[in-house]
Amino acid sequence: MAVLVGLVVLWPGGAPAHERTGVGFDRQTQQATVSKVESISCSSANASGGTPTGDTSTAEGSSAQQQEDGTCKKATIRVDTGSDKGRTFTEIVQPDQSRQLHEGQKVVVAYEPSAPKDLQYSVTDVNRRVPLGLLAIIFAVAVVVVGRLRGVMALIALAISFMVLNFFVLPAILQGSNPLAVAIVGASAIMLIALYLCHGLSARTSVAVLGTLISLLLIGVLGSWFVDWAALTGNTDDNTGLIHGLYPSIDMSGLLLAGIIIGSLGVLDDVTVTQTSAVWELHEANPSMGWRGLYRAGIRIGRDHIASVVNTLVLAYAGAALPLLLLFSIAESSVGTVANSELVAAEIVRTLIGSIGLVASVPVTTALAALVVSADRPGTGTPESAPATPGAASAGAAGPAAPSSRGGKGRRRKH
């Protein structure tokens, strides 16, 4: 009910409109095809004033003389969508550019209506829709084949998660709502839908939900403290600068905090569901075990989970920031200098706070699961503290009797 109230109060009703800047992701784009590529001399291309391609990743060490003496490519690109469908333009591709154009290649072109007609279109990227779509299909098939009905439910939950992000979280932040509140409500909605849809309405799922909520609140509190204490503005690159320029009312440090919460949610779900399932299975294996015994056994499983998950989280962030780390390595900066820069410090705070939430989720969820399963499904075996009769003790020591062809002995065992 609290999540529903939060969704109603913070519901944005759509992202606010703005005038396109023509910078970065805010450009008008169309789909196009490279219809022809021919080799020409770079000197003649420069003399004729050819338009260079949108990919300007030319190496710093390349000299102008090397470019003049090399063989360039003149690409003819045909626009396939929009009001100018069928229109063609040419671009010159330098030999040392990282992206080379090939005949028949699908590309994305930027359109700037205010520019001169010859310069209105330029290639900005390769069209990757086909390989990405095929990879998504392979992923979906693998999930359904292995997970069966659970896999289908997981895919539905994934689609709903994207809908919550696209129709609630992002527009609400753009409308100027508090990013921390939006992130907590949005993450809670995603968690409730995903967990109950994939695992069903049960005490086991509810324990995982409670453990995840408690951990998310802890991450939110710690994140708020340390983002403020470390004076992290959240404005660390061109994209965040563009967002701040278009929507000055957005709290960029709050946006950083919202990213920490949403980014930690996926791994939190995994930890809490696994710990809850482990405690339930331990109870099934030994119904006479009390909640203290269940907690001790569950926490031993959780320690292994903590070690692997924390390492996974750190490596995931390190992998995402690998180009940045390479730049610092090239600059021969000290570890302290690198860590103190806001770009890296934000990732450190994100990683450590998320890891603290993961570590805390293990004992919290394990304790809740042990208490609930002990109360909801009490054991049917003889409690350890209850006195046992000699006959019962001898029967327990002997174990379950096997069927016997000797009638008298069989009757005595039955009795």
Protein backbone atom coordinates (compact mmCIF):
# COMPACT_ATOMS: atom_id res chain seq x y z
CA MET A 1 0.00 0.00 0.00
CA ALA A 2 2.86 2.38 0.78
CA VAL A 3 4.39 1.71 -2.64
CA LEU A 4 1.03 2.32 -4.35
CA VAL A 5 0.62 5.61 -2.50
CA GLY A 6 4.14 6.60 -3.51
CA LEU A 7 3.45 5.78 -7.15
CA VAL A 8 0.25 7.87 -7.12
CA VAL A 9 1.87 10.86 -5.40
CA LEU A 10 5.02 10.88 -7.54
CA TRP A 11 3.47 9.78 -10.84
CA PRO A 12 4.83 12.22 -13.48
CA GLY A 13 2.35 11.86 -16.34
CA GLY A 14 5.10 11.95 -18.95
CA ALA A 15 8.52 13.55 -19.38
CA PRO A 16 8.59 17.35 -19.86
CA ALA A 17 9.26 18.54 -23.39
CA HIS A 18 12.36 20.53 -24.33
CA GLU A 19 13.89 21.98 -27.47
CA ARG A 20 16.53 19.74 -29.03
CA THR A 21 20.09 20.91 -28.50
CA GLY A 22 21.69 18.84 -31.26
CA VAL A 23 24.35 17.64 -28.79
CA GLY A 24 25.10 14.03 -27.86
CA PHE A 25 22.00 11.85 -27.52
CA ASP A 26 19.77 14.90 -28.02
CA ARG A 27 20.31 14.98 -31.78
CA GLN A 28 17.77 14.15 -34.45
CA THR A 29 18.78 10.88 -36.08
CA GLN A 30 17.70 8.82 -39.08
CA GLN A 31 18.54 5.37 -40.43
CA ALA A 32 20.73 5.15 -43.52
CA THR A 33 22.70 2.72 -45.71
CA VAL A 34 26.18 3.01 -47.19
CA SER A 35 25.39 2.56 -50.89
CA LYS A 36 28.88 3.02 -52.36
CA VAL A 37 32.50 3.19 -51.17
CA GLU A 38 35.43 4.14 -53.39
CA SER A 39 39.13 4.69 -52.63
CA ILE A 40 40.60 8.11 -53.31
CA SER A 41 43.79 9.96 -52.45
CA CYS A 42 43.60 11.82 -49.17
CA SER A 43 45.34 14.82 -50.74
CA SER A 44 42.69 15.12 -53.43
CA ALA A 45 39.91 14.60 -50.85
CA ASN A 46 41.26 17.43 -48.68
CA ALA A 47 41.76 19.65 -51.70
CA SER A 48 38.16 19.12 -52.81
CA GLY A 49 36.89 19.98 -49.33
CA GLY A 50 35.30 16.62 -48.67
CA THR A 51 33.19 16.23 -45.55
CA PRO A 52 34.84 13.98 -42.94
CA THR A 53 32.78 11.25 -41.34
CA GLY A 54 31.12 11.76 -37.96
CA ASP A 55 33.66 9.43 -36.33
CA THR A 56 36.58 11.75 -35.53
CA SER A 57 38.67 9.33 -33.50
CA THR A 58 41.94 10.19 -35.28
CA ALA A 59 45.11 9.29 -33.34
CA GLU A 60 46.92 12.23 -31.80
CA GLY A 61 50.28 11.05 -33.17
CA SER A 62 49.13 11.00 -36.81
CA SER A 63 50.69 13.80 -38.76
CA ALA A 64 49.04 15.82 -41.49
CA GLN A 65 51.63 14.52 -43.97
CA GLN A 66 50.67 10.91 -43.24
CA GLN A 67 47.03 11.72 -43.91
CA GLU A 68 47.90 13.50 -47.14
CA ASP A 69 49.90 10.51 -48.44
CA GLY A 70 47.37 7.84 -47.40
CA THR A 71 44.40 6.35 -49.21
CA CYS A 72 41.05 7.61 -47.97
CA LYS A 73 37.56 6.33 -48.69
CA LYS A 74 34.71 8.31 -50.17
CA ALA A 75 31.42 6.87 -48.91
CA THR A 76 28.01 7.61 -50.44
CA ILE A 77 25.25 7.26 -47.85
CA ARG A 78 21.52 6.96 -48.64
CA VAL A 79 18.98 8.17 -46.05
CA ASP A 80 16.33 5.47 -45.48
CA THR A 81 13.90 7.18 -43.07
CA GLY A 82 12.36 10.60 -42.46
CA SER A 83 11.20 13.32 -44.82
CA ASP A 84 14.48 13.15 -46.81
CA LYS A 85 14.18 9.42 -47.54
CA GLY A 86 16.22 8.56 -50.62
CA ARG A 87 18.52 11.57 -50.32
CA THR A 88 22.26 10.82 -50.61
CA PHE A 89 25.36 12.56 -49.28
CA THR A 90 29.08 11.77 -49.22
CA GLU A 91 31.65 11.57 -46.46
CA ILE A 92 35.41 11.12 -46.43
CA VAL A 93 36.80 8.41 -44.13
CA GLN A 94 40.42 8.84 -43.10
CA PRO A 95 42.59 5.67 -43.11
CA ASP A 96 43.50 5.87 -39.41
CA GLN A 97 39.95 6.24 -38.11
CA SER A 98 38.72 3.45 -35.84
CA ARG A 99 35.43 3.01 -37.72
CA GLN A 100 35.61 2.23 -41.42
CA LEU A 101 32.50 2.23 -43.62
CA HIS A 102 31.65 -0.66 -45.94
CA GLU A 103 29.24 -0.93 -48.85
CA GLY A 104 25.81 -2.14 -47.73
CA GLN A 105 26.44 -1.27 -44.08
CA LYS A 106 23.53 0.09 -42.03
CA VAL A 107 24.38 3.29 -40.18
CA VAL A 108 22.80 6.00 -38.03
CA VAL A 109 23.06 9.58 -39.28
CA ALA A 110 22.53 12.82 -37.40
CA TYR A 111 20.33 15.50 -38.93
CA GLU A 112 20.83 19.21 -38.26
CA PRO A 113 18.15 21.23 -40.14
CA SER A 114 19.79 24.61 -39.43
CA ALA A 115 23.09 23.64 -41.10
CA PRO A 116 23.88 24.25 -44.79
CA LYS A 117 22.27 21.65 -47.03
CA ASP A 118 25.55 19.86 -47.79
CA LEU A 119 26.31 19.52 -44.08
CA GLN A 120 22.90 18.63 -42.68
CA TYR A 121 23.63 14.90 -42.47
CA SER A 122 26.63 13.10 -40.95
CA VAL A 123 27.30 9.51 -39.91
CA THR A 124 27.36 9.14 -36.13
CA ASP A 125 27.24 5.41 -35.49
CA VAL A 126 26.63 1.92 -36.85
CA ASN A 127 23.10 0.49 -36.78
CA ARG A 128 23.30 -2.45 -34.36
CA ARG A 129 19.61 -3.36 -34.17
CA VAL A 130 19.93 -6.75 -35.90
CA PRO A 131 22.75 -8.23 -33.73
CA LEU A 132 21.25 -6.79 -30.55
CA GLY A 133 17.80 -8.12 -31.42
CA LEU A 134 19.20 -11.57 -32.22
CA LEU A 135 21.14 -11.62 -28.94
CA ALA A 136 17.97 -10.70 -27.04
CA ILE A 137 16.10 -13.57 -28.72
CA ILE A 138 18.85 -16.04 -27.82
CA PHE A 139 18.74 -14.81 -24.21
CA ALA A 140 14.96 -15.18 -24.01
CA VAL A 141 15.05 -18.69 -25.51
CA ALA A 142 17.79 -19.77 -23.09
CA VAL A 143 15.84 -18.44 -20.10
CA VAL A 144 12.62 -20.19 -21.16
CA VAL A 145 14.33 -23.51 -22.05
CA VAL A 146 16.16 -23.72 -18.73
CA GLY A 147 13.68 -21.94 -16.47
CA ARG A 148 10.45 -23.11 -18.15
CA LEU A 149 7.46 -21.41 -16.50
CA ARG A 150 9.71 -19.59 -14.04
CA GLY A 151 11.74 -18.35 -17.00
CA VAL A 152 8.61 -17.02 -18.71
CA MET A 153 7.61 -15.24 -15.51
CA ALA A 154 11.14 -13.81 -15.19
CA LEU A 155 10.94 -12.36 -18.72
CA ILE A 156 7.55 -10.82 -17.96
CA ALA A 157 8.96 -9.33 -14.76
CA LEU A 158 11.92 -7.96 -16.73
CA ALA A 159 9.57 -6.26 -19.19
CA ILE A 160 7.56 -4.75 -16.33
CA SER A 161 10.79 -3.50 -14.72
CA PHE A 162 11.69 -1.65 -17.91
CA MET A 163 8.18 -0.17 -18.02
CA VAL A 164 8.48 1.10 -14.44
CA LEU A 165 11.84 2.68 -15.25
CA ASN A 166 10.64 4.19 -18.52
CA PHE A 167 7.20 5.44 -17.48
CA PHE A 168 7.77 6.29 -13.82
CA VAL A 169 11.35 6.61 -12.60
CA LEU A 170 12.88 8.57 -15.49
CA PRO A 171 9.96 10.97 -16.14
CA ALA A 172 9.48 11.60 -12.40
CA ILE A 173 13.13 12.58 -12.01
CA LEU A 174 12.91 14.83 -15.09
CA GLN A 175 9.81 16.48 -13.59
CA GLY A 176 11.94 17.55 -10.60
CA SER A 177 10.78 15.02 -7.99
CA ASN A 178 13.26 13.97 -5.32
CA PRO A 179 15.45 11.31 -7.02
CA LEU A 180 15.93 9.40 -3.73
CA ALA A 181 12.18 9.10 -3.12
CA VAL A 182 11.55 8.17 -6.75
CA ALA A 183 14.29 5.52 -6.65
CA ILE A 184 13.01 3.94 -3.43
CA VAL A 185 9.39 3.82 -4.66
CA GLY A 186 10.37 2.62 -8.14
CA ALA A 187 12.81 -0.01 -6.85
CA SER A 188 10.24 -1.26 -4.35
CA ALA A 189 7.60 -1.56 -7.08
CA ILE A 190 10.00 -3.47 -9.32
CA MET A 191 10.99 -5.75 -6.44
CA LEU A 192 7.42 -6.54 -5.41
CA ILE A 193 6.30 -7.29 -8.95
CA ALA A 194 9.37 -9.34 -9.86
CA LEU A 195 9.58 -11.42 -6.69
CA TYR A 196 5.89 -12.24 -6.33
CA LEU A 197 5.47 -12.85 -10.06
CA CYS A 198 8.47 -15.21 -10.27
CA HIS A 199 8.19 -16.95 -6.88
CA GLY A 200 4.50 -16.72 -6.01
CA LEU A 201 2.54 -15.36 -3.04
CA SER A 202 4.03 -17.18 -0.07
CA ALA A 203 5.70 -16.63 3.27
CA ARG A 204 9.03 -17.52 1.65
CA THR A 205 8.69 -14.75 -0.95
CA SER A 206 7.48 -12.25 1.66
CA VAL A 207 10.59 -12.87 3.75
CA ALA A 208 12.77 -12.13 0.70
CA VAL A 209 10.75 -8.97 0.10
CA LEU A 210 11.23 -7.78 3.70
CA GLY A 211 14.95 -8.53 3.61
CA THR A 212 15.33 -6.62 0.35
CA LEU A 213 13.35 -3.61 1.64
CA ILE A 214 15.42 -3.37 4.82
CA SER A 215 18.65 -3.56 2.82
CA LEU A 216 17.42 -0.91 0.35
CA LEU A 217 16.62 1.45 3.22
CA LEU A 218 20.10 0.89 4.65
CA ILE A 219 21.66 1.62 1.24
CA GLY A 220 19.56 4.78 0.95
CA VAL A 221 20.59 6.08 4.38
CA LEU A 222 24.29 5.31 3.93
CA GLY A 223 24.27 6.66 0.38
CA SER A 224 22.67 9.92 1.49
CA TRP A 225 25.26 10.39 4.22
CA PHE A 226 28.37 9.60 2.19
CA VAL A 227 27.34 11.28 -1.05
CA ASP A 228 26.84 14.48 0.96
CA TRP A 229 29.97 13.99 3.10
CA ALA A 230 32.20 13.30 0.08
CA ALA A 231 30.69 16.33 -1.72
CA LEU A 232 29.80 14.30 -4.81
CA THR A 233 27.89 16.50 -7.25
CA GLY A 234 26.94 13.71 -9.70
CA ASN A 235 27.95 15.96 -12.62
CA THR A 236 30.97 14.03 -13.87
CA ASP A 237 30.81 13.80 -17.66
CA ASP A 238 29.28 15.32 -20.79
CA ASN A 239 26.02 13.38 -20.46
CA THR A 240 25.32 14.46 -16.88
CA GLY A 241 26.34 18.00 -17.83
CA LEU A 242 23.82 17.96 -20.68
CA ILE A 243 21.08 16.69 -18.34
CA HIS A 244 21.86 19.47 -15.86
CA GLY A 245 21.83 22.04 -18.65
CA LEU A 246 18.45 20.91 -19.98
CA TYR A 247 16.82 20.39 -16.57
CA PRO A 248 18.54 22.60 -13.96
CA SER A 249 15.98 21.60 -11.32
CA ILE A 250 17.27 18.02 -11.18
CA ASP A 251 19.32 17.24 -8.08
CA MET A 252 22.38 15.61 -9.69
CA SER A 253 23.75 14.23 -6.40
CA GLY A 254 20.31 12.75 -5.75
CA LEU A 255 20.45 11.23 -9.23
CA LEU A 256 23.73 9.56 -8.27
CA LEU A 257 22.10 8.20 -5.13
CA ALA A 258 19.12 6.92 -7.12
CA GLY A 259 21.52 5.06 -9.39
CA ILE A 260 23.15 3.41 -6.38
CA ILE A 261 19.79 2.13 -5.10
CA ILE A 262 18.51 0.86 -8.44
CA GLY A 263 21.87 -0.67 -9.33
CA SER A 264 21.98 -2.61 -6.05
CA LEU A 265 18.44 -3.96 -6.36
CA GLY A 266 19.18 -6.73 -8.85
CA VAL A 267 21.93 -8.32 -6.76
CA LEU A 268 19.92 -7.83 -3.56
CA ASP A 269 17.04 -9.86 -5.01
CA ASP A 270 19.42 -12.69 -5.78
CA VAL A 271 20.90 -12.73 -2.27
CA THR A 272 17.63 -12.51 -0.34
CA VAL A 273 15.82 -15.12 -2.44
CA THR A 274 18.75 -17.52 -2.20
CA GLN A 275 19.09 -17.13 1.57
CA THR A 276 15.37 -17.59 2.13
CA SER A 277 15.29 -20.70 -0.04
CA ALA A 278 18.32 -22.11 1.78
CA VAL A 279 16.64 -21.73 5.19
CA TRP A 280 13.40 -23.30 3.91
CA GLU A 281 15.28 -26.28 2.47
CA LEU A 282 17.24 -26.72 5.70
CA HIS A 283 13.94 -26.85 7.58
CA GLU A 284 12.59 -29.43 5.12
CA ALA A 285 15.68 -31.57 5.63
CA ASN A 286 15.52 -31.35 9.43
CA PRO A 287 12.08 -30.21 10.69
CA SER A 288 13.14 -30.51 14.35
CA MET A 289 15.82 -27.82 13.97
CA GLY A 290 14.95 -24.65 15.91
CA TRP A 291 15.31 -21.13 14.58
CA ARG A 292 18.76 -20.69 16.14
CA GLY A 293 20.02 -23.81 14.40
CA LEU A 294 18.45 -22.70 11.13
CA TYR A 295 20.07 -19.28 11.46
CA ARG A 296 23.53 -20.73 12.14
CA ALA A 297 23.28 -23.13 9.20
CA GLY A 298 21.87 -20.43 6.90
CA ILE A 299 24.52 -17.88 7.80
CA ARG A 300 27.25 -20.39 6.92
CA ILE A 301 25.75 -20.61 3.44
CA GLY A 302 25.45 -16.82 3.37
CA ARG A 303 29.15 -16.28 4.05
CA ASP A 304 30.04 -18.07 0.83
CA HIS A 305 27.41 -16.04 -0.98
CA ILE A 306 28.78 -12.77 0.42
CA ALA A 307 32.32 -13.55 -0.73
CA SER A 308 31.28 -14.30 -4.30
CA VAL A 309 28.69 -11.53 -4.70
CA VAL A 310 30.87 -8.71 -3.34
CA ASN A 311 33.71 -9.74 -5.64
CA THR A 312 31.28 -9.86 -8.56
CA LEU A 313 29.97 -6.37 -7.81
CA VAL A 314 33.44 -4.83 -7.55
CA LEU A 315 34.59 -6.48 -10.78
CA ALA A 316 31.42 -5.35 -12.58
CA TYR A 317 32.06 -1.70 -11.69
CA ALA A 318 35.78 -2.05 -12.49
CA GLY A 319 34.95 -3.53 -15.89
CA ALA A 320 32.56 -0.69 -16.68
CA ALA A 321 35.19 1.91 -15.72
CA LEU A 322 38.12 0.13 -17.39
CA PRO A 323 38.75 2.79 -20.09
CA LEU A 324 38.83 5.47 -17.38
CA LEU A 325 41.27 3.43 -15.29
CA LEU A 326 43.49 3.03 -18.35
CA LEU A 327 43.58 6.80 -18.79
CA PHE A 328 44.74 7.26 -15.21
CA SER A 329 47.36 4.55 -15.72
CA ILE A 330 48.66 6.29 -18.82
CA ALA A 331 48.89 9.54 -16.86
CA GLU A 332 50.92 7.69 -14.17
CA SER A 333 48.72 9.09 -11.42
CA SER A 334 49.01 7.72 -7.91
CA VAL A 335 46.28 5.56 -6.43
CA GLY A 336 45.33 8.33 -4.00
CA THR A 337 45.01 10.87 -6.79
CA VAL A 338 42.88 8.55 -8.88
CA ALA A 339 40.59 7.63 -5.98
CA ASN A 340 40.14 11.27 -4.98
CA SER A 341 38.85 12.38 -8.37
CA GLU A 342 35.07 12.67 -8.36
CA LEU A 343 34.65 10.40 -11.37
CA VAL A 344 36.34 7.50 -9.55
CA ALA A 345 35.18 8.47 -6.05
CA ALA A 346 31.56 8.22 -7.19
CA GLU A 347 32.15 4.65 -8.39
CA ILE A 348 33.94 3.78 -5.13
CA VAL A 349 31.03 5.09 -3.07
CA ARG A 350 28.57 3.29 -5.34
CA THR A 351 30.45 -0.01 -5.03
CA LEU A 352 31.10 0.09 -1.29
CA ILE A 353 27.60 1.20 -0.27
CA GLY A 354 26.03 -1.43 -2.51
CA SER A 355 28.34 -4.06 -1.04
CA ILE A 356 27.47 -3.02 2.54
CA GLY A 357 23.79 -3.43 1.69
CA LEU A 358 24.48 -6.88 0.25
CA VAL A 359 26.45 -7.97 3.31
CA ALA A 360 23.72 -6.71 5.65
CA SER A 361 21.00 -8.47 3.67
CA VAL A 362 22.41 -11.93 4.51
CA PRO A 363 22.02 -11.93 8.33
CA VAL A 364 18.79 -9.90 8.16
CA THR A 365 17.10 -12.19 5.63
CA THR A 366 18.44 -15.35 7.27
CA ALA A 367 17.13 -14.33 10.69
CA LEU A 368 13.71 -13.40 9.28
CA ALA A 369 13.50 -16.66 7.33
CA ALA A 370 14.49 -18.77 10.36
CA LEU A 371 11.87 -17.09 12.56
CA VAL A 372 9.08 -17.30 9.99
CA VAL A 373 9.64 -20.88 8.87
CA SER A 374 9.87 -22.05 12.50
CA ALA A 375 6.58 -20.36 13.37
CA ASP A 376 4.76 -21.02 10.09
CA ARG A 377 5.82 -24.65 9.63
CA PRO A 378 6.70 -26.12 13.04
CA GLY A 379 8.67 -29.35 13.00
CA THR A 380 6.88 -32.70 13.36
CA GLY A 381 9.85 -34.52 14.87
CA THR A 382 10.55 -35.03 18.56
CA PRO A 383 12.09 -31.88 20.03
CA GLU A 384 15.62 -32.28 21.29
CA SER A 385 14.68 -31.13 24.79
CA ALA A 386 11.67 -33.48 25.21
CA PRO A 387 12.18 -36.67 27.27
CA ALA A 388 12.03 -39.83 25.19
CA THR A 389 10.83 -43.27 26.31
CA PRO A 390 13.32 -46.15 26.21
CA GLY A 391 11.36 -47.79 23.41
CA ALA A 392 11.35 -44.62 21.36
CA ALA A 393 15.05 -44.12 21.97
CA SER A 394 15.91 -47.63 20.82
CA ALA A 395 13.71 -47.24 17.76
CA GLY A 396 15.34 -43.91 16.94
CA ALA A 397 18.79 -45.44 17.31
CA ALA A 398 17.93 -48.37 15.08
CA GLY A 399 16.44 -46.13 12.40
CA PRO A 400 13.44 -46.94 10.21
CA ALA A 401 12.69 -50.65 9.95
CA ALA A 402 12.83 -52.44 6.63
CA PRO A 403 9.99 -54.75 5.59
CA SER A 404 10.56 -58.31 6.87
CA SER A 405 9.22 -61.70 5.84
CA ARG A 406 9.18 -62.84 9.49
CA GLY A 407 5.66 -62.12 10.59
CA GLY A 408 6.26 -61.97 14.36
CA LYS A 409 9.13 -59.55 14.11
CA GLY A 410 7.20 -57.49 11.62
CA ARG A 411 4.19 -57.31 13.92
CA ARG A 412 6.33 -56.25 16.88
CA ARG A 413 7.88 -53.45 14.81
CA LYS A 414 4.47 -52.34 13.67
CA HIS A 415 3.23 -52.31 17.24
